[in-house]
Structure formats: C-alpha cells, structure tokens
C-alpha cells in the first residue's frame, strides 16, 4: 500500500505532462498526495476497522476535497445515497492495493477487490482492473515469480502483458480507463528492478502518471519488500498526520515490513 502512495506522490506533478523518459526528478517541490492516496487509505481504513467500503470512500472523499477527483466521482460524493455509475475508470485499480496486502486467500482478494470497486466502478472492466491489481499484489507477497504473476493475470483477466515499457512508450497516450492503463502499469512493475524503477517506468509512459505509478509502486512493494527509507520519510512528511497514522496502523496489523 505504501508503494501506491509513494507512486501517487511522485507521479502527481507528471500527470498529463507527457513525460516520456524514466530519468526525471523525484519528489519535486510541487509533489502532493492526490485522490489516489485518499481513496487507497479509505480502503485501508475500512479493512482495519471493518467498515463499509462505500461509506469510507465517501467520508474520506468529503474530508479531503480538491485532490483531483474525476467529475462523475465528485458528483457521486455530493449526492446522498448515490448509486454506482458503471465506471470503468482506473479509480477502482488505484485504490485497491490494501486488499492485496491484507488478504490471506485469493478468493478473499477477488471478493474484497470487487466490493471495493462496486460502490462507483461497477462496470465489468472497472471490477476486473481492481481484481487484477489486487491479485498481482497477493501473488507477489506469496513469493511468486514475475512470470507466474504475468501468467496468472493474463490467464485470469485477459490482459496482454507480453509487451515491454520500451515497446509501449512511443505510441502510448493519456488514458484513464482500466483497460487502457492497468495492463501498462503492471508491465512497468514487471520490467522493473526495484520500487523506484517501477515508479519511474510507469511515469515514463506519459499517461495518467500518478495512478499508473501508484499501481506499479504497490506491486513493486509487494514483490521487492523494500522501499528506500528516504521515500518513506518524505511521504510521512507530505501526508497529513491522520493519514500517515493509517499507514502505520495498517503495516502493523498486517505485519508489512518495508525495510527487509
């Protein structure tokens, strides 16, 4: 989960920038946490305290406004008893990482990923994006190889992961759909060497940088199990104290080490 937040913060200044190279400054002075982080922590908090996903998503969104939410989601937030709006945007995938870190069985992963997506992103592609990311994180935590993770996601969800970032980058354009950004984010992780390179590769595709870096960063954290201490410190300073407290509590409860 922390990898997702770090990816979001680093990528926040490159969204829609068309960045097409992995060699860019990290933690720019204008970096901030966006809706990706807020919604990720809404899911984490719901898991920690056994709260209803829908209620937590709405509460956190209202408590942290102006963080880059999409128009349909903003309208959903402001509407009492709002129904799901059949979205297949990557918002379901950006917020799902806590599910992959918290669950002990794949069946539970898929069920909770679906439930975390459904309040807003109940389109089959929105659900699939969330489930694919959560499943990848779960498999990485279990010590599966990248090839095993690739094969499972391809066979289960139908994504084409037999591409590379180098092949994708030249023609890739900004895309906020699950089907147009989740596979590419997973590939950024598969092509990476550590958490930092996963985030750099995701941003370098020149798309929805913060969300794609959040997805790649979460997968990389689960796989490499080590995040640079400087990244952790900088993130702790950018988040509000209540949000950082959720990170600490989540890592403690689910015994997630970030410094192995």
C-alpha atoms as a PDB file:
ATOM      1  CA  UNK A   1       0.000   0.000   0.000  1.00  0.00           C
ATOM      2  CA  UNK A   2       2.780   2.439   0.869  1.00  0.00           C
ATOM      3  CA  UNK A   3       4.259   1.835  -2.579  1.00  0.00           C
ATOM      4  CA  UNK A   4       0.996   3.053  -4.102  1.00  0.00           C
ATOM      5  CA  UNK A   5       1.054   6.239  -2.045  1.00  0.00           C
ATOM      6  CA  UNK A   6       4.680   6.934  -2.935  1.00  0.00           C
ATOM      7  CA  UNK A   7       3.921   6.356  -6.616  1.00  0.00           C
ATOM      8  CA  UNK A   8       0.973   8.727  -6.421  1.00  0.00           C
ATOM      9  CA  UNK A   9       3.019  11.481  -4.783  1.00  0.00           C
ATOM     10  CA  UNK A  10       5.947  11.159  -7.195  1.00  0.00           C
ATOM     11  CA  UNK A  11       3.647  10.967 -10.201  1.00  0.00           C
ATOM     12  CA  UNK A  12       1.412  13.842  -9.099  1.00  0.00           C
ATOM     13  CA  UNK A  13       3.416  16.501 -10.939  1.00  0.00           C
ATOM     14  CA  UNK A  14       3.695  14.471 -14.160  1.00  0.00           C
ATOM     15  CA  UNK A  15       0.035  13.720 -14.838  1.00  0.00           C
ATOM     16  CA  UNK A  16      -0.757  14.889 -18.388  1.00  0.00           C
ATOM     17  CA  UNK A  17       2.829  16.126 -18.756  1.00  0.00           C
ATOM     18  CA  UNK A  18       3.667  13.659 -21.490  1.00  0.00           C
ATOM     19  CA  UNK A  19       6.810  12.570 -19.653  1.00  0.00           C
ATOM     20  CA  UNK A  20       8.462  10.003 -21.890  1.00  0.00           C
ATOM     21  CA  UNK A  21      11.666   9.190 -20.053  1.00  0.00           C
ATOM     22  CA  UNK A  22      12.389   7.447 -16.750  1.00  0.00           C
ATOM     23  CA  UNK A  23      15.143   9.876 -15.758  1.00  0.00           C
ATOM     24  CA  UNK A  24      13.193  12.646 -14.035  1.00  0.00           C
ATOM     25  CA  UNK A  25      13.435  14.381 -10.631  1.00  0.00           C
ATOM     26  CA  UNK A  26      11.777  12.547  -7.762  1.00  0.00           C
ATOM     27  CA  UNK A  27       9.743  14.337  -5.085  1.00  0.00           C
ATOM     28  CA  UNK A  28       9.504  17.646  -6.881  1.00  0.00           C
ATOM     29  CA  UNK A  29       8.686  20.545  -4.546  1.00  0.00           C
ATOM     30  CA  UNK A  30       5.175  20.639  -6.030  1.00  0.00           C
ATOM     31  CA  UNK A  31       4.502  16.959  -5.321  1.00  0.00           C
ATOM     32  CA  UNK A  32       1.389  16.246  -3.280  1.00  0.00           C
ATOM     33  CA  UNK A  33      -0.886  13.355  -2.468  1.00  0.00           C
ATOM     34  CA  UNK A  34      -3.917  13.107  -4.729  1.00  0.00           C
ATOM     35  CA  UNK A  35      -7.220  11.270  -4.825  1.00  0.00           C
ATOM     36  CA  UNK A  36      -5.266   8.040  -5.395  1.00  0.00           C
ATOM     37  CA  UNK A  37      -3.813   8.250  -1.892  1.00  0.00           C
ATOM     38  CA  UNK A  38      -7.031   9.410  -0.245  1.00  0.00           C
ATOM     39  CA  UNK A  39      -9.037   6.557  -1.730  1.00  0.00           C
ATOM     40  CA  UNK A  40      -6.304   3.989  -1.025  1.00  0.00           C
ATOM     41  CA  UNK A  41      -6.353   4.985   2.622  1.00  0.00           C
ATOM     42  CA  UNK A  42     -10.153   4.927   2.652  1.00  0.00           C
ATOM     43  CA  UNK A  43      -9.966   1.246   1.687  1.00  0.00           C
ATOM     44  CA  UNK A  44      -7.149   0.583   4.176  1.00  0.00           C
ATOM     45  CA  UNK A  45      -9.086   2.211   6.990  1.00  0.00           C
ATOM     46  CA  UNK A  46     -12.202   0.199   6.111  1.00  0.00           C
ATOM     47  CA  UNK A  47     -10.196  -3.031   6.296  1.00  0.00           C
ATOM     48  CA  UNK A  48      -8.579  -2.006   9.578  1.00  0.00           C
ATOM     49  CA  UNK A  49     -11.842  -1.193  11.294  1.00  0.00           C
ATOM     50  CA  UNK A  50     -14.260  -3.457   9.402  1.00  0.00           C
ATOM     51  CA  UNK A  51     -16.133  -0.526   7.936  1.00  0.00           C
ATOM     52  CA  UNK A  52     -18.282  -0.452   4.812  1.00  0.00           C
ATOM     53  CA  UNK A  53     -16.216   0.452   1.749  1.00  0.00           C
ATOM     54  CA  UNK A  54     -18.853   2.751   0.280  1.00  0.00           C
ATOM     55  CA  UNK A  55     -19.201   4.770   3.461  1.00  0.00           C
ATOM     56  CA  UNK A  56     -15.459   5.132   3.914  1.00  0.00           C
ATOM     57  CA  UNK A  57     -14.907   6.153   0.304  1.00  0.00           C
ATOM     58  CA  UNK A  58     -17.483   8.899   0.678  1.00  0.00           C
ATOM     59  CA  UNK A  59     -16.249  10.065   4.097  1.00  0.00           C
ATOM     60  CA  UNK A  60     -12.623  10.303   3.005  1.00  0.00           C
ATOM     61  CA  UNK A  61     -13.542  11.997  -0.252  1.00  0.00           C
ATOM     62  CA  UNK A  62     -15.559  14.662   1.543  1.00  0.00           C
ATOM     63  CA  UNK A  63     -12.866  15.146   4.191  1.00  0.00           C
ATOM     64  CA  UNK A  64     -10.142  15.597   1.554  1.00  0.00           C
ATOM     65  CA  UNK A  65     -11.730  17.580  -1.300  1.00  0.00           C
ATOM     66  CA  UNK A  66      -9.865  19.120  -4.229  1.00  0.00           C
ATOM     67  CA  UNK A  67      -7.486  16.211  -4.667  1.00  0.00           C
ATOM     68  CA  UNK A  68      -8.065  15.648  -8.361  1.00  0.00           C
ATOM     69  CA  UNK A  69     -11.264  13.613  -8.368  1.00  0.00           C
ATOM     70  CA  UNK A  70     -12.988  12.982 -11.672  1.00  0.00           C
ATOM     71  CA  UNK A  71     -16.226  14.783 -12.452  1.00  0.00           C
ATOM     72  CA  UNK A  72     -18.510  11.772 -12.091  1.00  0.00           C
ATOM     73  CA  UNK A  73     -16.892  10.817  -8.807  1.00  0.00           C
ATOM     74  CA  UNK A  74     -17.258  14.378  -7.467  1.00  0.00           C
ATOM     75  CA  UNK A  75     -20.942  14.275  -8.311  1.00  0.00           C
ATOM     76  CA  UNK A  76     -21.256  10.870  -6.615  1.00  0.00           C
ATOM     77  CA  UNK A  77     -19.586  12.263  -3.483  1.00  0.00           C
ATOM     78  CA  UNK A  78     -22.006  15.152  -3.254  1.00  0.00           C
ATOM     79  CA  UNK A  79     -25.132  13.031  -3.719  1.00  0.00           C
ATOM     80  CA  UNK A  80     -26.718  11.307  -0.744  1.00  0.00           C
ATOM     81  CA  UNK A  81     -27.401   7.628  -1.396  1.00  0.00           C
ATOM     82  CA  UNK A  82     -25.745   7.894  -4.801  1.00  0.00           C
ATOM     83  CA  UNK A  83     -25.748   4.709  -6.856  1.00  0.00           C
ATOM     84  CA  UNK A  84     -22.785   3.216  -8.707  1.00  0.00           C
ATOM     85  CA  UNK A  85     -22.313   4.883 -12.074  1.00  0.00           C
ATOM     86  CA  UNK A  86     -20.914   1.977 -14.103  1.00  0.00           C
ATOM     87  CA  UNK A  87     -17.427   3.452 -14.387  1.00  0.00           C
ATOM     88  CA  UNK A  88     -14.540   1.566 -15.961  1.00  0.00           C
ATOM     89  CA  UNK A  89     -12.049   4.264 -14.994  1.00  0.00           C
ATOM     90  CA  UNK A  90      -8.836   3.313 -13.227  1.00  0.00           C
ATOM     91  CA  UNK A  91     -10.072   4.713  -9.904  1.00  0.00           C
ATOM     92  CA  UNK A  92     -11.014   1.195  -8.851  1.00  0.00           C
ATOM     93  CA  UNK A  93      -7.485  -0.067  -9.526  1.00  0.00           C
ATOM     94  CA  UNK A  94      -5.703   2.878  -7.926  1.00  0.00           C
ATOM     95  CA  UNK A  95      -7.371   2.347  -4.531  1.00  0.00           C
ATOM     96  CA  UNK A  96      -7.386  -1.448  -4.254  1.00  0.00           C
ATOM     97  CA  UNK A  97      -3.838  -2.184  -3.077  1.00  0.00           C
ATOM     98  CA  UNK A  98      -4.700  -2.585   0.642  1.00  0.00           C
ATOM     99  CA  UNK A  99      -6.865  -5.569  -0.306  1.00  0.00           C
ATOM    100  CA  UNK A 100      -3.897  -7.345  -1.857  1.00  0.00           C
ATOM    101  CA  UNK A 101      -1.818  -6.771   1.264  1.00  0.00           C
ATOM    102  CA  UNK A 102      -4.483  -7.676   3.823  1.00  0.00           C
ATOM    103  CA  UNK A 103      -5.959 -10.929   2.499  1.00  0.00           C
ATOM    104  CA  UNK A 104      -4.772 -14.474   3.150  1.00  0.00           C
ATOM    105  CA  UNK A 105      -6.537 -16.292   0.312  1.00  0.00           C
ATOM    106  CA  UNK A 106      -7.021 -15.458  -3.366  1.00  0.00           C
ATOM    107  CA  UNK A 107     -10.769 -15.996  -3.097  1.00  0.00           C
ATOM    108  CA  UNK A 108     -10.925 -13.303  -0.420  1.00  0.00           C
ATOM    109  CA  UNK A 109      -8.740 -10.998  -2.533  1.00  0.00           C
ATOM    110  CA  UNK A 110     -11.087 -11.203  -5.503  1.00  0.00           C
ATOM    111  CA  UNK A 111     -14.193 -10.797  -3.369  1.00  0.00           C
ATOM    112  CA  UNK A 112     -12.948  -7.731  -1.500  1.00  0.00           C
ATOM    113  CA  UNK A 113     -11.489  -6.179  -4.650  1.00  0.00           C
ATOM    114  CA  UNK A 114     -14.912  -6.465  -6.243  1.00  0.00           C
ATOM    115  CA  UNK A 115     -16.600  -4.966  -3.186  1.00  0.00           C
ATOM    116  CA  UNK A 116     -14.091  -2.091  -3.055  1.00  0.00           C
ATOM    117  CA  UNK A 117     -14.794  -1.268  -6.713  1.00  0.00           C
ATOM    118  CA  UNK A 118     -18.580  -1.692  -6.769  1.00  0.00           C
ATOM    119  CA  UNK A 119     -19.678   1.491  -4.955  1.00  0.00           C
ATOM    120  CA  UNK A 120     -18.619   3.515  -8.000  1.00  0.00           C
ATOM    121  CA  UNK A 121     -16.807   1.357 -10.582  1.00  0.00           C
ATOM    122  CA  UNK A 122     -19.290  -1.451 -11.108  1.00  0.00           C
ATOM    123  CA  UNK A 123     -18.594  -1.857 -14.836  1.00  0.00           C
ATOM    124  CA  UNK A 124     -17.006  -5.270 -15.578  1.00  0.00           C
ATOM    125  CA  UNK A 125     -13.788  -3.564 -16.714  1.00  0.00           C
ATOM    126  CA  UNK A 126     -13.665  -1.469 -13.535  1.00  0.00           C
ATOM    127  CA  UNK A 127     -14.041  -4.580 -11.405  1.00  0.00           C
ATOM    128  CA  UNK A 128     -11.520  -6.516 -13.489  1.00  0.00           C
ATOM    129  CA  UNK A 129      -8.920  -3.775 -13.121  1.00  0.00           C
ATOM    130  CA  UNK A 130      -9.234  -3.783  -9.346  1.00  0.00           C
ATOM    131  CA  UNK A 131      -9.137  -7.567  -9.128  1.00  0.00           C
ATOM    132  CA  UNK A 132      -6.110  -7.867 -11.414  1.00  0.00           C
ATOM    133  CA  UNK A 133      -4.051  -5.407  -9.367  1.00  0.00           C
ATOM    134  CA  UNK A 134      -5.071  -6.933  -6.044  1.00  0.00           C
ATOM    135  CA  UNK A 135      -4.352 -10.448  -7.314  1.00  0.00           C
ATOM    136  CA  UNK A 136      -0.918  -9.393  -8.553  1.00  0.00           C
ATOM    137  CA  UNK A 137      -0.070  -7.882  -5.180  1.00  0.00           C
ATOM    138  CA  UNK A 138      -1.251 -11.002  -3.382  1.00  0.00           C
ATOM    139  CA  UNK A 139       0.844 -13.284  -5.610  1.00  0.00           C
ATOM    140  CA  UNK A 140       3.901 -11.056  -5.187  1.00  0.00           C
ATOM    141  CA  UNK A 141       3.508 -11.237  -1.416  1.00  0.00           C
ATOM    142  CA  UNK A 142       3.415 -15.012  -1.690  1.00  0.00           C
ATOM    143  CA  UNK A 143       6.827 -15.032  -3.348  1.00  0.00           C
ATOM    144  CA  UNK A 144       5.630 -15.900  -6.840  1.00  0.00           C
ATOM    145  CA  UNK A 145       7.952 -15.089  -9.718  1.00  0.00           C
ATOM    146  CA  UNK A 146       7.210 -12.321 -12.176  1.00  0.00           C
ATOM    147  CA  UNK A 147       6.488 -14.912 -14.844  1.00  0.00           C
ATOM    148  CA  UNK A 148       3.993 -16.641 -12.552  1.00  0.00           C
ATOM    149  CA  UNK A 149       2.338 -13.291 -11.813  1.00  0.00           C
ATOM    150  CA  UNK A 150       2.250 -12.395 -15.511  1.00  0.00           C
ATOM    151  CA  UNK A 151       0.758 -15.751 -16.491  1.00  0.00           C
ATOM    152  CA  UNK A 152      -1.892 -15.686 -13.763  1.00  0.00           C
ATOM    153  CA  UNK A 153      -3.086 -12.191 -14.653  1.00  0.00           C
ATOM    154  CA  UNK A 154      -3.124 -12.923 -18.378  1.00  0.00           C
ATOM    155  CA  UNK A 155      -4.974 -16.220 -17.962  1.00  0.00           C
ATOM    156  CA  UNK A 156      -7.459 -14.895 -15.392  1.00  0.00           C
ATOM    157  CA  UNK A 157      -8.159 -11.395 -16.659  1.00  0.00           C
ATOM    158  CA  UNK A 158      -7.193 -11.485 -20.317  1.00  0.00           C
ATOM    159  CA  UNK A 159      -4.690  -8.622 -20.236  1.00  0.00           C
ATOM    160  CA  UNK A 160      -1.818  -8.713 -22.720  1.00  0.00           C
ATOM    161  CA  UNK A 161       1.304  -8.463 -20.572  1.00  0.00           C
ATOM    162  CA  UNK A 162       3.740  -9.801 -23.166  1.00  0.00           C
ATOM    163  CA  UNK A 163       4.885  -6.314 -24.058  1.00  0.00           C
ATOM    164  CA  UNK A 164       7.592  -4.078 -22.621  1.00  0.00           C
ATOM    165  CA  UNK A 165       7.612  -0.464 -21.495  1.00  0.00           C
ATOM    166  CA  UNK A 166      10.073   0.330 -24.278  1.00  0.00           C
ATOM    167  CA  UNK A 167       7.626  -1.038 -26.830  1.00  0.00           C
ATOM    168  CA  UNK A 168       4.590   0.681 -25.342  1.00  0.00           C
ATOM    169  CA  UNK A 169       6.064   4.115 -24.580  1.00  0.00           C
ATOM    170  CA  UNK A 170       6.376   5.703 -28.082  1.00  0.00           C
ATOM    171  CA  UNK A 171       2.709   5.381 -29.004  1.00  0.00           C
ATOM    172  CA  UNK A 172       1.110   5.465 -25.593  1.00  0.00           C
ATOM    173  CA  UNK A 173      -1.264   8.322 -24.758  1.00  0.00           C
ATOM    174  CA  UNK A 174      -3.101   9.537 -21.677  1.00  0.00           C
ATOM    175  CA  UNK A 175      -5.821   7.016 -20.790  1.00  0.00           C
ATOM    176  CA  UNK A 176      -7.802   6.839 -17.535  1.00  0.00           C
ATOM    177  CA  UNK A 177      -9.673   3.620 -18.293  1.00  0.00           C
ATOM    178  CA  UNK A 178      -8.780   0.390 -16.542  1.00  0.00           C
ATOM    179  CA  UNK A 179      -8.355  -1.433 -19.838  1.00  0.00           C
ATOM    180  CA  UNK A 180      -6.101   1.304 -21.175  1.00  0.00           C
ATOM    181  CA  UNK A 181      -3.853   1.826 -18.154  1.00  0.00           C
ATOM    182  CA  UNK A 182      -3.894  -1.138 -15.767  1.00  0.00           C
ATOM    183  CA  UNK A 183      -2.054  -3.600 -18.062  1.00  0.00           C
ATOM    184  CA  UNK A 184       0.579  -0.978 -18.841  1.00  0.00           C
ATOM    185  CA  UNK A 185       1.047  -0.223 -15.133  1.00  0.00           C
ATOM    186  CA  UNK A 186       1.514  -3.913 -14.382  1.00  0.00           C
ATOM    187  CA  UNK A 187       4.078  -4.128 -17.184  1.00  0.00           C
ATOM    188  CA  UNK A 188       6.002  -1.235 -15.610  1.00  0.00           C
ATOM    189  CA  UNK A 189       6.297  -3.383 -12.492  1.00  0.00           C
ATOM    190  CA  UNK A 190       7.244  -6.499 -14.483  1.00  0.00           C
ATOM    191  CA  UNK A 191      10.029  -4.560 -16.249  1.00  0.00           C
ATOM    192  CA  UNK A 192      11.358  -3.028 -13.024  1.00  0.00           C
ATOM    193  CA  UNK A 193      14.333  -3.776 -10.810  1.00  0.00           C
ATOM    194  CA  UNK A 194      13.039  -2.215  -7.583  1.00  0.00           C
ATOM    195  CA  UNK A 195      10.309   0.087  -6.281  1.00  0.00           C
ATOM    196  CA  UNK A 196      11.957   3.222  -7.629  1.00  0.00           C
ATOM    197  CA  UNK A 197      12.404   1.867 -11.136  1.00  0.00           C
ATOM    198  CA  UNK A 198       8.805   0.578 -11.226  1.00  0.00           C
ATOM    199  CA  UNK A 199       7.547   4.082 -10.442  1.00  0.00           C
ATOM    200  CA  UNK A 200       9.924   5.687 -12.940  1.00  0.00           C
ATOM    201  CA  UNK A 201       8.867   3.297 -15.709  1.00  0.00           C
ATOM    202  CA  UNK A 202       5.174   3.877 -15.036  1.00  0.00           C
ATOM    203  CA  UNK A 203       5.571   7.657 -15.162  1.00  0.00           C
ATOM    204  CA  UNK A 204       7.727   7.419 -18.281  1.00  0.00           C
ATOM    205  CA  UNK A 205       4.815   6.045 -20.299  1.00  0.00           C
ATOM    206  CA  UNK A 206       3.446   9.589 -20.428  1.00  0.00           C
ATOM    207  CA  UNK A 207      -0.071   8.729 -19.320  1.00  0.00           C
ATOM    208  CA  UNK A 208      -2.059   9.033 -16.101  1.00  0.00           C
ATOM    209  CA  UNK A 209       1.202   9.265 -14.213  1.00  0.00           C
ATOM    210  CA  UNK A 210       0.093   9.352 -10.586  1.00  0.00           C
ATOM    211  CA  UNK A 211      -2.366   6.476 -10.916  1.00  0.00           C
ATOM    212  CA  UNK A 212      -0.096   4.314 -13.036  1.00  0.00           C
ATOM    213  CA  UNK A 213       2.822   4.906 -10.672  1.00  0.00           C
ATOM    214  CA  UNK A 214       0.559   4.056  -7.737  1.00  0.00           C
ATOM    215  CA  UNK A 215      -0.372   0.709  -9.282  1.00  0.00           C
ATOM    216  CA  UNK A 216       3.201  -0.140 -10.277  1.00  0.00           C
ATOM    217  CA  UNK A 217       4.526   1.038  -6.902  1.00  0.00           C
ATOM    218  CA  UNK A 218       2.105  -1.147  -4.964  1.00  0.00           C
ATOM    219  CA  UNK A 219       3.021  -4.232  -6.972  1.00  0.00           C
ATOM    220  CA  UNK A 220       6.719  -3.446  -6.603  1.00  0.00           C
ATOM    221  CA  UNK A 221       6.440  -3.054  -2.840  1.00  0.00           C
ATOM    222  CA  UNK A 222       4.733  -6.431  -2.566  1.00  0.00           C
ATOM    223  CA  UNK A 223       7.380  -8.081  -4.751  1.00  0.00           C
ATOM    224  CA  UNK A 224      10.627  -6.454  -3.604  1.00  0.00           C
ATOM    225  CA  UNK A 225       9.526  -5.930   0.021  1.00  0.00           C
ATOM    226  CA  UNK A 226      11.862  -2.977   0.423  1.00  0.00           C
ATOM    227  CA  UNK A 227      11.279   0.742  -0.033  1.00  0.00           C
ATOM    228  CA  UNK A 228      14.065   3.342   0.215  1.00  0.00           C
ATOM    229  CA  UNK A 229      13.990   4.909   3.664  1.00  0.00           C
ATOM    230  CA  UNK A 230      14.187   8.383   2.148  1.00  0.00           C
ATOM    231  CA  UNK A 231      10.990   7.682   0.191  1.00  0.00           C
ATOM    232  CA  UNK A 232       9.230   6.642   3.388  1.00  0.00           C
ATOM    233  CA  UNK A 233      10.390   9.709   5.287  1.00  0.00           C
ATOM    234  CA  UNK A 234       9.398  12.137   2.519  1.00  0.00           C
ATOM    235  CA  UNK A 235       5.980  10.512   2.258  1.00  0.00           C
ATOM    236  CA  UNK A 236       5.429  10.755   6.005  1.00  0.00           C
ATOM    237  CA  UNK A 237       6.084  14.497   5.763  1.00  0.00           C
ATOM    238  CA  UNK A 238       3.717  15.042   2.828  1.00  0.00           C
ATOM    239  CA  UNK A 239       0.745  13.141   4.249  1.00  0.00           C
ATOM    240  CA  UNK A 240      -1.369  14.652   6.994  1.00  0.00           C
ATOM    241  CA  UNK A 241      -0.742  13.083  10.437  1.00  0.00           C
ATOM    242  CA  UNK A 242      -4.132  11.265  10.424  1.00  0.00           C
ATOM    243  CA  UNK A 243      -3.405   9.744   7.008  1.00  0.00           C
ATOM    244  CA  UNK A 244       0.109   8.700   7.992  1.00  0.00           C
ATOM    245  CA  UNK A 245      -1.313   7.099  11.130  1.00  0.00           C
ATOM    246  CA  UNK A 246      -3.438   4.838   8.926  1.00  0.00           C
ATOM    247  CA  UNK A 247      -0.326   3.742   7.018  1.00  0.00           C
ATOM    248  CA  UNK A 248       1.485   2.888  10.251  1.00  0.00           C
ATOM    249  CA  UNK A 249      -1.515   1.074  11.721  1.00  0.00           C
ATOM    250  CA  UNK A 250      -2.114  -0.901   8.531  1.00  0.00           C
ATOM    251  CA  UNK A 251       1.509  -2.018   8.285  1.00  0.00           C
ATOM    252  CA  UNK A 252       1.485  -3.042  11.935  1.00  0.00           C
ATOM    253  CA  UNK A 253      -1.754  -5.014  11.775  1.00  0.00           C
ATOM    254  CA  UNK A 254      -0.863  -6.889   8.609  1.00  0.00           C
ATOM    255  CA  UNK A 255       2.828  -7.233   9.502  1.00  0.00           C
ATOM    256  CA  UNK A 256       4.078  -5.463   6.390  1.00  0.00           C
ATOM    257  CA  UNK A 257       7.763  -4.665   6.541  1.00  0.00           C
ATOM    258  CA  UNK A 258       9.164  -2.035   4.168  1.00  0.00           C
ATOM    259  CA  UNK A 259      12.848  -2.354   5.047  1.00  0.00           C
ATOM    260  CA  UNK A 260      13.843  -6.008   4.562  1.00  0.00           C
END
